Amino acid sequence: MEYVKVNGTSYVRDIKTMALVNQDASGLQEYMNKRRALAAQKDEINNIKSEIQSVKDDITEIKKLMMQLIEKGSNG
């Protein structure tokens, strides 16, 4: 492949396909790091959502059990 530098940028142009190619390796690394960090944040948010739902389910079950105890106590 033969490339020609595009003035004022970190891009080069492929002579054969006329495609612009970014050769900024540090920019790519920074992008990949940000992407990994965002994926980790999303995973953490999903875990927290799951834990919150579990707590809600537990509270609902506790409320049902308390209502059953109250009903038995008032009937007994």
N, C-alpha and C. Protein backbone atom coordinates (compact mmCIF):
# COMPACT_ATOMS: atom_id res chain seq x y z
N MET A 1 0.85 -1.18 0.00
CA MET A 1 0.00 0.00 0.00
C MET A 1 0.88 1.23 0.00
N GLU A 2 0.43 2.21 -0.74
CA GLU A 2 1.19 3.45 -0.83
C GLU A 2 0.34 4.57 -0.24
N TYR A 3 0.94 5.33 0.68
CA TYR A 3 0.23 6.40 1.36
C TYR A 3 0.86 7.75 1.04
N VAL A 4 0.00 8.78 1.07
CA VAL A 4 0.45 10.16 0.93
C VAL A 4 -0.06 10.91 2.14
N LYS A 5 0.82 11.67 2.79
CA LYS A 5 0.46 12.44 3.98
C LYS A 5 -0.53 13.54 3.62
N VAL A 6 -1.57 13.69 4.45
CA VAL A 6 -2.54 14.78 4.28
C VAL A 6 -2.08 15.90 5.19
N ASN A 7 -1.78 17.05 4.62
CA ASN A 7 -1.22 18.17 5.37
C ASN A 7 -2.12 18.62 6.51
N GLY A 8 -1.50 18.89 7.66
CA GLY A 8 -2.21 19.45 8.81
C GLY A 8 -3.00 18.43 9.61
N THR A 9 -2.86 17.16 9.32
CA THR A 9 -3.60 16.11 10.06
C THR A 9 -2.68 14.93 10.33
N SER A 10 -3.21 13.98 11.09
CA SER A 10 -2.47 12.73 11.30
C SER A 10 -2.94 11.66 10.31
N TYR A 11 -3.66 12.08 9.29
CA TYR A 11 -4.17 11.15 8.29
C TYR A 11 -3.21 11.01 7.11
N VAL A 12 -3.33 9.85 6.46
CA VAL A 12 -2.66 9.62 5.19
C VAL A 12 -3.72 9.11 4.22
N ARG A 13 -3.46 9.29 2.94
CA ARG A 13 -4.41 8.82 1.93
C ARG A 13 -3.80 7.63 1.19
N ASP A 14 -4.60 6.57 1.11
CA ASP A 14 -4.20 5.39 0.35
C ASP A 14 -4.35 5.74 -1.13
N ILE A 15 -3.27 5.67 -1.87
CA ILE A 15 -3.26 6.05 -3.28
C ILE A 15 -4.21 5.18 -4.10
N LYS A 16 -4.25 3.89 -3.83
CA LYS A 16 -5.04 2.97 -4.62
C LYS A 16 -6.55 3.14 -4.39
N THR A 17 -6.97 3.22 -3.11
CA THR A 17 -8.40 3.28 -2.79
C THR A 17 -8.90 4.70 -2.52
N MET A 18 -7.97 5.63 -2.35
CA MET A 18 -8.26 7.03 -2.00
C MET A 18 -8.89 7.15 -0.60
N ALA A 19 -8.75 6.10 0.21
CA ALA A 19 -9.28 6.13 1.57
C ALA A 19 -8.37 6.94 2.48
N LEU A 20 -8.98 7.61 3.46
CA LEU A 20 -8.21 8.30 4.48
C LEU A 20 -7.93 7.32 5.62
N VAL A 21 -6.70 7.29 6.08
CA VAL A 21 -6.30 6.37 7.15
C VAL A 21 -5.68 7.20 8.26
N ASN A 22 -6.18 6.99 9.48
CA ASN A 22 -5.64 7.69 10.64
C ASN A 22 -4.48 6.87 11.19
N GLN A 23 -3.32 7.49 11.32
CA GLN A 23 -2.15 6.80 11.84
C GLN A 23 -1.77 7.27 13.23
N ASP A 24 -2.71 7.86 13.94
CA ASP A 24 -2.47 8.36 15.29
C ASP A 24 -2.64 7.22 16.29
N ALA A 25 -1.55 6.52 16.60
CA ALA A 25 -1.60 5.36 17.50
C ALA A 25 -1.99 5.75 18.91
N SER A 26 -1.52 6.89 19.40
CA SER A 26 -1.87 7.31 20.76
C SER A 26 -3.36 7.66 20.84
N GLY A 27 -3.89 8.24 19.79
CA GLY A 27 -5.32 8.55 19.76
C GLY A 27 -6.16 7.28 19.78
N LEU A 28 -5.71 6.27 19.07
CA LEU A 28 -6.41 4.98 19.06
C LEU A 28 -6.36 4.35 20.44
N GLN A 29 -5.20 4.39 21.07
CA GLN A 29 -5.06 3.82 22.41
C GLN A 29 -5.97 4.54 23.40
N GLU A 30 -6.03 5.86 23.31
CA GLU A 30 -6.89 6.65 24.19
C GLU A 30 -8.35 6.28 23.98
N TYR A 31 -8.74 6.13 22.73
CA TYR A 31 -10.12 5.73 22.40
C TYR A 31 -10.43 4.36 22.99
N MET A 32 -9.52 3.41 22.83
CA MET A 32 -9.75 2.06 23.34
C MET A 32 -9.85 2.06 24.88
N ASN A 33 -9.02 2.87 25.53
CA ASN A 33 -9.09 2.97 27.00
C ASN A 33 -10.42 3.54 27.44
N LYS A 34 -10.89 4.58 26.76
CA LYS A 34 -12.19 5.17 27.09
C LYS A 34 -13.31 4.16 26.86
N ARG A 35 -13.20 3.41 25.80
CA ARG A 35 -14.22 2.42 25.47
C ARG A 35 -14.27 1.32 26.54
N ARG A 36 -13.11 0.86 26.99
CA ARG A 36 -13.06 -0.14 28.06
C ARG A 36 -13.64 0.42 29.36
N ALA A 37 -13.30 1.67 29.68
CA ALA A 37 -13.80 2.29 30.90
C ALA A 37 -15.32 2.42 30.84
N LEU A 38 -15.85 2.80 29.69
CA LEU A 38 -17.30 2.93 29.53
C LEU A 38 -17.99 1.58 29.67
N ALA A 39 -17.40 0.55 29.11
CA ALA A 39 -17.96 -0.80 29.23
C ALA A 39 -17.96 -1.25 30.69
N ALA A 40 -16.90 -0.93 31.42
CA ALA A 40 -16.83 -1.29 32.84
C ALA A 40 -17.90 -0.55 33.64
N GLN A 41 -18.11 0.73 33.31
CA GLN A 41 -19.15 1.50 33.98
C GLN A 41 -20.53 0.92 33.70
N LYS A 42 -20.77 0.53 32.46
CA LYS A 42 -22.06 -0.07 32.12
C LYS A 42 -22.28 -1.37 32.88
N ASP A 43 -21.23 -2.18 32.98
CA ASP A 43 -21.34 -3.43 33.73
C ASP A 43 -21.66 -3.15 35.20
N GLU A 44 -20.99 -2.17 35.76
CA GLU A 44 -21.22 -1.82 37.16
C GLU A 44 -22.66 -1.33 37.36
N ILE A 45 -23.14 -0.51 36.45
CA ILE A 45 -24.52 -0.01 36.54
C ILE A 45 -25.51 -1.17 36.45
N ASN A 46 -25.26 -2.10 35.54
CA ASN A 46 -26.16 -3.25 35.41
C ASN A 46 -26.14 -4.11 36.67
N ASN A 47 -24.97 -4.28 37.28
CA ASN A 47 -24.88 -5.04 38.53
C ASN A 47 -25.66 -4.35 39.64
N ILE A 48 -25.53 -3.04 39.72
CA ILE A 48 -26.24 -2.28 40.75
C ILE A 48 -27.74 -2.37 40.53
N LYS A 49 -28.19 -2.27 39.27
CA LYS A 49 -29.61 -2.41 38.97
C LYS A 49 -30.12 -3.78 39.41
N SER A 50 -29.34 -4.80 39.15
CA SER A 50 -29.73 -6.16 39.53
C SER A 50 -29.84 -6.28 41.05
N GLU A 51 -28.88 -5.71 41.76
CA GLU A 51 -28.90 -5.76 43.22
C GLU A 51 -30.11 -5.00 43.77
N ILE A 52 -30.42 -3.86 43.19
CA ILE A 52 -31.58 -3.07 43.63
C ILE A 52 -32.86 -3.87 43.41
N GLN A 53 -32.98 -4.52 42.27
CA GLN A 53 -34.17 -5.32 42.00
C GLN A 53 -34.29 -6.46 43.00
N SER A 54 -33.16 -7.07 43.34
CA SER A 54 -33.16 -8.15 44.32
C SER A 54 -33.64 -7.65 45.69
N VAL A 55 -33.17 -6.48 46.09
CA VAL A 55 -33.60 -5.89 47.36
C VAL A 55 -35.09 -5.58 47.32
N LYS A 56 -35.59 -5.05 46.21
CA LYS A 56 -37.02 -4.77 46.07
C LYS A 56 -37.84 -6.05 46.20
N ASP A 57 -37.37 -7.11 45.57
CA ASP A 57 -38.07 -8.38 45.66
C ASP A 57 -38.09 -8.91 47.10
N ASP A 58 -36.97 -8.77 47.78
CA ASP A 58 -36.90 -9.20 49.18
C ASP A 58 -37.86 -8.40 50.05
N ILE A 59 -37.92 -7.10 49.84
CA ILE A 59 -38.81 -6.25 50.63
C ILE A 59 -40.27 -6.63 50.37
N THR A 60 -40.60 -6.90 49.11
CA THR A 60 -41.96 -7.32 48.77
C THR A 60 -42.31 -8.62 49.49
N GLU A 61 -41.38 -9.56 49.51
CA GLU A 61 -41.62 -10.83 50.19
C GLU A 61 -41.78 -10.62 51.69
N ILE A 62 -40.97 -9.77 52.28
CA ILE A 62 -41.07 -9.48 53.72
C ILE A 62 -42.43 -8.85 54.03
N LYS A 63 -42.89 -7.95 53.18
CA LYS A 63 -44.19 -7.30 53.39
C LYS A 63 -45.32 -8.34 53.35
N LYS A 64 -45.24 -9.27 52.41
CA LYS A 64 -46.26 -10.31 52.32
C LYS A 64 -46.27 -11.17 53.57
N LEU A 65 -45.08 -11.55 54.05
CA LEU A 65 -44.99 -12.36 55.25
C LEU A 65 -45.53 -11.61 56.47
N MET A 66 -45.23 -10.33 56.57
CA MET A 66 -45.73 -9.52 57.69
C MET A 66 -47.25 -9.43 57.64
N MET A 67 -47.80 -9.27 56.44
CA MET A 67 -49.25 -9.21 56.31
C MET A 67 -49.88 -10.54 56.73
N GLN A 68 -49.25 -11.64 56.39
CA GLN A 68 -49.76 -12.95 56.80
C GLN A 68 -49.72 -13.09 58.32
N LEU A 69 -48.63 -12.63 58.94
CA LEU A 69 -48.52 -12.68 60.40
C LEU A 69 -49.59 -11.81 61.05
N ILE A 70 -49.83 -10.64 60.51
CA ILE A 70 -50.84 -9.73 61.06
C ILE A 70 -52.22 -10.36 60.95
N GLU A 71 -52.51 -10.97 59.80
CA GLU A 71 -53.81 -11.61 59.61
C GLU A 71 -54.00 -12.78 60.58
N LYS A 72 -52.96 -13.58 60.79
CA LYS A 72 -53.05 -14.70 61.71
C LYS A 72 -53.23 -14.20 63.14
N GLY A 73 -52.54 -13.11 63.47
CA GLY A 73 -52.64 -12.56 64.82
C GLY A 73 -54.02 -11.98 65.10
N SER A 74 -54.64 -11.36 64.10
CA SER A 74 -55.96 -10.78 64.32
C SER A 74 -57.06 -11.84 64.29
N ASN A 75 -56.79 -12.98 63.67
CA ASN A 75 -57.77 -14.06 63.63
C ASN A 75 -57.62 -14.99 64.80
N GLY A 76 -56.48 -14.95 65.46
CA GLY A 76 -56.14 -15.96 66.43
C GLY A 76 -56.52 -15.71 67.80
